[in-house]
PDB file of N, CA and C in Angstrom:
ATOM      1  N   UNK A   1      -9.169  -8.279  -8.169  1.00  0.00           N
ATOM      2  CA  UNK A   1      -8.885  -6.946  -8.659  1.00  0.00           C
ATOM      3  C   UNK A   1      -7.414  -6.847  -8.992  1.00  0.00           C
ATOM      4  N   UNK A   2      -7.090  -5.971  -9.927  1.00  0.00           N
ATOM      5  CA  UNK A   2      -5.708  -5.710 -10.291  1.00  0.00           C
ATOM      6  C   UNK A   2      -5.314  -4.340  -9.768  1.00  0.00           C
ATOM      7  N   UNK A   3      -4.206  -4.310  -9.029  1.00  0.00           N
ATOM      8  CA  UNK A   3      -3.659  -3.057  -8.518  1.00  0.00           C
ATOM      9  C   UNK A   3      -2.177  -3.030  -8.841  1.00  0.00           C
ATOM     10  N   UNK A   4      -1.559  -1.891  -8.622  1.00  0.00           N
ATOM     11  CA  UNK A   4      -0.121  -1.757  -8.825  1.00  0.00           C
ATOM     12  C   UNK A   4       0.511  -1.324  -7.510  1.00  0.00           C
ATOM     13  N   UNK A   5       1.553  -2.039  -7.108  1.00  0.00           N
ATOM     14  CA  UNK A   5       2.310  -1.678  -5.916  1.00  0.00           C
ATOM     15  C   UNK A   5       3.744  -1.441  -6.348  1.00  0.00           C
ATOM     16  N   UNK A   6       4.199  -0.207  -6.173  1.00  0.00           N
ATOM     17  CA  UNK A   6       5.546   0.188  -6.593  1.00  0.00           C
ATOM     18  C   UNK A   6       5.834  -0.270  -8.025  1.00  0.00           C
ATOM     19  N   UNK A   7       4.899   0.027  -8.903  1.00  0.00           N
ATOM     20  CA  UNK A   7       5.009  -0.224 -10.347  1.00  0.00           C
ATOM     21  C   UNK A   7       4.990  -1.706 -10.723  1.00  0.00           C
ATOM     22  N   UNK A   8       4.562  -2.565  -9.793  1.00  0.00           N
ATOM     23  CA  UNK A   8       4.430  -3.992 -10.070  1.00  0.00           C
ATOM     24  C   UNK A   8       2.967  -4.376  -9.936  1.00  0.00           C
ATOM     25  N   UNK A   9       2.405  -4.964 -10.995  1.00  0.00           N
ATOM     26  CA  UNK A   9       0.990  -5.335 -10.970  1.00  0.00           C
ATOM     27  C   UNK A   9       0.765  -6.531 -10.052  1.00  0.00           C
ATOM     28  N   UNK A  10      -0.312  -6.450  -9.274  1.00  0.00           N
ATOM     29  CA  UNK A  10      -0.690  -7.517  -8.353  1.00  0.00           C
ATOM     30  C   UNK A  10      -2.153  -7.865  -8.576  1.00  0.00           C
ATOM     31  N   UNK A  11      -2.484  -9.119  -8.412  1.00  0.00           N
ATOM     32  CA  UNK A  11      -3.872  -9.587  -8.490  1.00  0.00           C
ATOM     33  C   UNK A  11      -4.292  -9.987  -7.076  1.00  0.00           C
ATOM     34  N   UNK A  12      -5.303  -9.292  -6.527  1.00  0.00           N
ATOM     35  CA  UNK A  12      -5.758  -9.547  -5.161  1.00  0.00           C
ATOM     36  C   UNK A  12      -7.278  -9.663  -5.125  1.00  0.00           C
ATOM     37  N   UNK A  13      -7.788 -10.164  -3.996  1.00  0.00           N
ATOM     38  CA  UNK A  13      -9.236 -10.244  -3.800  1.00  0.00           C
ATOM     39  C   UNK A  13      -9.839  -8.848  -3.676  1.00  0.00           C
ATOM     40  N   UNK A  14     -11.083  -8.704  -4.071  1.00  0.00           N
ATOM     41  CA  UNK A  14     -11.804  -7.438  -3.929  1.00  0.00           C
ATOM     42  C   UNK A  14     -12.118  -7.149  -2.459  1.00  0.00           C
ATOM     43  N   UNK A  15     -12.322  -5.875  -2.151  1.00  0.00           N
ATOM     44  CA  UNK A  15     -12.809  -5.468  -0.841  1.00  0.00           C
ATOM     45  C   UNK A  15     -11.773  -5.378   0.254  1.00  0.00           C
ATOM     46  N   UNK A  16     -10.494  -5.428  -0.094  1.00  0.00           N
ATOM     47  CA  UNK A  16      -9.449  -5.340   0.923  1.00  0.00           C
ATOM     48  C   UNK A  16      -9.164  -3.891   1.283  1.00  0.00           C
ATOM     49  N   UNK A  17      -8.818  -3.677   2.553  1.00  0.00           N
ATOM     50  CA  UNK A  17      -8.374  -2.346   2.928  1.00  0.00           C
ATOM     51  C   UNK A  17      -6.854  -2.265   2.751  1.00  0.00           C
ATOM     52  N   UNK A  18      -6.316  -1.075   2.869  1.00  0.00           N
ATOM     53  CA  UNK A  18      -4.895  -0.855   2.618  1.00  0.00           C
ATOM     54  C   UNK A  18      -4.028  -1.693   3.551  1.00  0.00           C
ATOM     55  N   UNK A  19      -4.388  -1.782   4.810  1.00  0.00           N
ATOM     56  CA  UNK A  19      -3.614  -2.568   5.774  1.00  0.00           C
ATOM     57  C   UNK A  19      -3.561  -4.029   5.342  1.00  0.00           C
ATOM     58  N   UNK A  20      -4.675  -4.589   4.917  1.00  0.00           N
ATOM     59  CA  UNK A  20      -4.720  -5.982   4.476  1.00  0.00           C
ATOM     60  C   UNK A  20      -3.854  -6.203   3.236  1.00  0.00           C
ATOM     61  N   UNK A  21      -3.888  -5.260   2.323  1.00  0.00           N
ATOM     62  CA  UNK A  21      -3.060  -5.370   1.118  1.00  0.00           C
ATOM     63  C   UNK A  21      -1.583  -5.389   1.509  1.00  0.00           C
ATOM     64  N   UNK A  22      -1.175  -4.477   2.375  1.00  0.00           N
ATOM     65  CA  UNK A  22       0.226  -4.401   2.778  1.00  0.00           C
ATOM     66  C   UNK A  22       0.661  -5.659   3.519  1.00  0.00           C
ATOM     67  N   UNK A  23      -0.220  -6.230   4.313  1.00  0.00           N
ATOM     68  CA  UNK A  23       0.097  -7.457   5.048  1.00  0.00           C
ATOM     69  C   UNK A  23       0.332  -8.637   4.106  1.00  0.00           C
ATOM     70  N   UNK A  24      -0.251  -8.610   2.929  1.00  0.00           N
ATOM     71  CA  UNK A  24      -0.089  -9.693   1.958  1.00  0.00           C
ATOM     72  C   UNK A  24       1.207  -9.587   1.168  1.00  0.00           C
ATOM     73  N   UNK A  25       1.888  -8.471   1.280  1.00  0.00           N
ATOM     74  CA  UNK A  25       3.131  -8.264   0.545  1.00  0.00           C
ATOM     75  C   UNK A  25       4.307  -8.619   1.460  1.00  0.00           C
ATOM     76  N   UNK A  26       5.018  -9.713   1.158  1.00  0.00           N
ATOM     77  CA  UNK A  26       6.065 -10.203   2.071  1.00  0.00           C
ATOM     78  C   UNK A  26       7.272  -9.277   2.227  1.00  0.00           C
ATOM     79  N   UNK A  27       7.527  -8.417   1.277  1.00  0.00           N
ATOM     80  CA  UNK A  27       8.719  -7.564   1.342  1.00  0.00           C
ATOM     81  C   UNK A  27       8.457  -6.175   1.898  1.00  0.00           C
ATOM     82  N   UNK A  28       7.248  -5.953   2.416  1.00  0.00           N
ATOM     83  CA  UNK A  28       6.904  -4.633   2.940  1.00  0.00           C
ATOM     84  C   UNK A  28       6.807  -4.702   4.459  1.00  0.00           C
ATOM     85  N   UNK A  29       7.664  -3.969   5.177  1.00  0.00           N
ATOM     86  CA  UNK A  29       7.618  -3.986   6.644  1.00  0.00           C
ATOM     87  C   UNK A  29       6.402  -3.234   7.177  1.00  0.00           C
ATOM     88  N   UNK A  30       6.033  -3.517   8.423  1.00  0.00           N
ATOM     89  CA  UNK A  30       4.885  -2.842   9.029  1.00  0.00           C
ATOM     90  C   UNK A  30       5.197  -1.421   9.476  1.00  0.00           C
ATOM     91  N   UNK A  31       6.455  -1.152   9.778  1.00  0.00           N
ATOM     92  CA  UNK A  31       6.813   0.179  10.258  1.00  0.00           C
ATOM     93  C   UNK A  31       7.919   0.762   9.394  1.00  0.00           C
ATOM     94  N   UNK A  32       8.109   2.059   9.544  1.00  0.00           N
ATOM     95  CA  UNK A  32       9.159   2.736   8.806  1.00  0.00           C
ATOM     96  C   UNK A  32       8.834   2.986   7.345  1.00  0.00           C
ATOM     97  N   UNK A  33       7.526   3.036   7.036  1.00  0.00           N
ATOM     98  CA  UNK A  33       7.133   3.265   5.650  1.00  0.00           C
ATOM     99  C   UNK A  33       6.095   4.381   5.580  1.00  0.00           C
ATOM    100  N   UNK A  34       6.010   4.991   4.409  1.00  0.00           N
ATOM    101  CA  UNK A  34       4.929   5.919   4.075  1.00  0.00           C
ATOM    102  C   UNK A  34       4.238   5.315   2.857  1.00  0.00           C
ATOM    103  N   UNK A  35       2.921   5.491   2.779  1.00  0.00           N
ATOM    104  CA  UNK A  35       2.152   4.867   1.701  1.00  0.00           C
ATOM    105  C   UNK A  35       1.262   5.913   1.036  1.00  0.00           C
ATOM    106  N   UNK A  36       1.268   5.903  -0.296  1.00  0.00           N
ATOM    107  CA  UNK A  36       0.388   6.769  -1.079  1.00  0.00           C
ATOM    108  C   UNK A  36      -0.475   5.882  -1.976  1.00  0.00           C
ATOM    109  N   UNK A  37      -1.733   6.249  -2.114  1.00  0.00           N
ATOM    110  CA  UNK A  37      -2.644   5.568  -3.020  1.00  0.00           C
ATOM    111  C   UNK A  37      -3.079   6.584  -4.070  1.00  0.00           C
ATOM    112  N   UNK A  38      -2.804   6.279  -5.311  1.00  0.00           N
ATOM    113  CA  UNK A  38      -3.118   7.178  -6.426  1.00  0.00           C
ATOM    114  C   UNK A  38      -2.555   8.577  -6.210  1.00  0.00           C
ATOM    115  N   UNK A  39      -1.348   8.627  -5.637  1.00  0.00           N
ATOM    116  CA  UNK A  39      -0.658   9.898  -5.453  1.00  0.00           C
ATOM    117  C   UNK A  39      -0.984  10.641  -4.175  1.00  0.00           C
ATOM    118  N   UNK A  40      -1.930  10.140  -3.381  1.00  0.00           N
ATOM    119  CA  UNK A  40      -2.300  10.794  -2.126  1.00  0.00           C
ATOM    120  C   UNK A  40      -1.769   9.986  -0.944  1.00  0.00           C
ATOM    121  N   UNK A  41      -0.979  10.633  -0.079  1.00  0.00           N
ATOM    122  CA  UNK A  41      -0.453   9.956   1.101  1.00  0.00           C
ATOM    123  C   UNK A  41      -1.611   9.582   2.022  1.00  0.00           C
ATOM    124  N   UNK A  42      -1.576   8.332   2.506  1.00  0.00           N
ATOM    125  CA  UNK A  42      -2.605   7.842   3.423  1.00  0.00           C
ATOM    126  C   UNK A  42      -1.956   7.684   4.793  1.00  0.00           C
ATOM    127  N   UNK A  43      -2.399   8.459   5.796  1.00  0.00           N
ATOM    128  CA  UNK A  43      -1.847   8.318   7.142  1.00  0.00           C
ATOM    129  C   UNK A  43      -2.080   6.905   7.672  1.00  0.00           C
ATOM    130  N   UNK A  44      -1.146   6.407   8.465  1.00  0.00           N
ATOM    131  CA  UNK A  44      -1.267   5.050   9.002  1.00  0.00           C
ATOM    132  C   UNK A  44      -2.571   4.860   9.770  1.00  0.00           C
ATOM    133  N   UNK A  45      -3.074   5.903  10.384  1.00  0.00           N
ATOM    134  CA  UNK A  45      -4.329   5.803  11.126  1.00  0.00           C
ATOM    135  C   UNK A  45      -5.524   5.523  10.217  1.00  0.00           C
ATOM    136  N   UNK A  46      -5.359   5.733   8.904  1.00  0.00           N
ATOM    137  CA  UNK A  46      -6.450   5.510   7.944  1.00  0.00           C
ATOM    138  C   UNK A  46      -6.296   4.234   7.123  1.00  0.00           C
ATOM    139  N   UNK A  47      -5.256   3.460   7.364  1.00  0.00           N
ATOM    140  CA  UNK A  47      -5.007   2.264   6.556  1.00  0.00           C
ATOM    141  C   UNK A  47      -6.154   1.265   6.623  1.00  0.00           C
ATOM    142  N   UNK A  48      -6.782   1.109   7.793  1.00  0.00           N
ATOM    143  CA  UNK A  48      -7.871   0.134   7.924  1.00  0.00           C
ATOM    144  C   UNK A  48      -9.162   0.609   7.275  1.00  0.00           C
ATOM    145  N   UNK A  49      -9.361   1.902   7.175  1.00  0.00           N
ATOM    146  CA  UNK A  49     -10.601   2.422   6.591  1.00  0.00           C
ATOM    147  C   UNK A  49     -10.479   2.707   5.093  1.00  0.00           C
ATOM    148  N   UNK A  50      -9.269   2.713   4.557  1.00  0.00           N
ATOM    149  CA  UNK A  50      -9.052   2.998   3.125  1.00  0.00           C
ATOM    150  C   UNK A  50      -9.213   1.711   2.325  1.00  0.00           C
ATOM    151  N   UNK A  51     -10.337   1.562   1.637  1.00  0.00           N
ATOM    152  CA  UNK A  51     -10.603   0.390   0.816  1.00  0.00           C
ATOM    153  C   UNK A  51      -9.900   0.558  -0.536  1.00  0.00           C
ATOM    154  N   UNK A  52      -9.223  -0.480  -0.961  1.00  0.00           N
ATOM    155  CA  UNK A  52      -8.494  -0.454  -2.217  1.00  0.00           C
ATOM    156  C   UNK A  52      -9.413  -0.937  -3.338  1.00  0.00           C
ATOM    157  N   UNK A  53      -9.387  -0.232  -4.459  1.00  0.00           N
ATOM    158  CA  UNK A  53     -10.259  -0.547  -5.593  1.00  0.00           C
ATOM    159  C   UNK A  53      -9.429  -1.032  -6.780  1.00  0.00           C
ATOM    160  N   UNK A  54     -10.081  -1.727  -7.685  1.00  0.00           N
ATOM    161  CA  UNK A  54      -9.448  -2.198  -8.902  1.00  0.00           C
ATOM    162  C   UNK A  54      -8.808  -1.011  -9.634  1.00  0.00           C
ATOM    163  N   UNK A  55      -7.558  -1.177 -10.019  1.00  0.00           N
ATOM    164  CA  UNK A  55      -6.853  -0.131 -10.755  1.00  0.00           C
ATOM    165  C   UNK A  55      -6.070   0.837  -9.894  1.00  0.00           C
ATOM    166  N   UNK A  56      -6.201   0.747  -8.570  1.00  0.00           N
ATOM    167  CA  UNK A  56      -5.457   1.663  -7.698  1.00  0.00           C
ATOM    168  C   UNK A  56      -3.959   1.434  -7.830  1.00  0.00           C
ATOM    169  N   UNK A  57      -3.209   2.517  -7.669  1.00  0.00           N
ATOM    170  CA  UNK A  57      -1.749   2.467  -7.676  1.00  0.00           C
ATOM    171  C   UNK A  57      -1.251   2.839  -6.286  1.00  0.00           C
ATOM    172  N   UNK A  58      -0.530   1.912  -5.678  1.00  0.00           N
ATOM    173  CA  UNK A  58       0.005   2.107  -4.327  1.00  0.00           C
ATOM    174  C   UNK A  58       1.505   2.280  -4.433  1.00  0.00           C
ATOM    175  N   UNK A  59       2.014   3.295  -3.748  1.00  0.00           N
ATOM    176  CA  UNK A  59       3.451   3.534  -3.698  1.00  0.00           C
ATOM    177  C   UNK A  59       3.877   3.449  -2.233  1.00  0.00           C
ATOM    178  N   UNK A  60       4.834   2.567  -1.955  1.00  0.00           N
ATOM    179  CA  UNK A  60       5.355   2.389  -0.613  1.00  0.00           C
ATOM    180  C   UNK A  60       6.772   2.931  -0.590  1.00  0.00           C
ATOM    181  N   UNK A  61       7.031   3.825   0.341  1.00  0.00           N
ATOM    182  CA  UNK A  61       8.354   4.434   0.476  1.00  0.00           C
ATOM    183  C   UNK A  61       8.896   4.067   1.846  1.00  0.00           C
ATOM    184  N   UNK A  62      10.082   3.470   1.861  1.00  0.00           N
ATOM    185  CA  UNK A  62      10.714   3.080   3.114  1.00  0.00           C
ATOM    186  C   UNK A  62      11.612   4.205   3.618  1.00  0.00           C
ATOM    187  N   UNK A  63      11.489   4.469   4.906  1.00  0.00           N
ATOM    188  CA  UNK A  63      12.371   5.453   5.541  1.00  0.00           C
ATOM    189  C   UNK A  63      13.725   4.799   5.805  1.00  0.00           C
ATOM    190  N   UNK A  64      14.779   5.560   5.623  1.00  0.00           N
ATOM    191  CA  UNK A  64      16.096   5.036   5.945  1.00  0.00           C
ATOM    192  C   UNK A  64      16.931   6.170   6.522  1.00  0.00           C
ATOM    193  N   UNK A  65      17.944   5.784   7.274  1.00  0.00           N
ATOM    194  CA  UNK A  65      18.796   6.766   7.931  1.00  0.00           C
ATOM    195  C   UNK A  65      20.180   6.700   7.329  1.00  0.00           C
ATOM    196  N   UNK A  66      20.852   7.805   7.388  1.00  0.00           N
ATOM    197  CA  UNK A  66      22.219   7.845   6.884  1.00  0.00           C
ATOM    198  C   UNK A  66      22.492   9.149   6.203  1.00  0.00           C
ATOM    199  N   UNK A  67      23.630   9.248   5.637  1.00  0.00           N
ATOM    200  CA  UNK A  67      23.946  10.510   5.023  1.00  0.00           C
ATOM    201  C   UNK A  67      24.822  10.407   3.849  1.00  0.00           C
TER     202      UNK A  67
END
């Protein structure tokens, strides 16, 4: 399947959940992030149950501190 992560197209196997997709991305940390799929924020508690489909757009936002 083809998906987009932060505006970069990725080719992945079908049937993956959001957690599995994020684990395959080497530059995405496990904590300190918020994730939206097709514009809808997905709570971390739902990452394992949210199945990613062909054409989905995932946006990962990293939290940072400072001023």
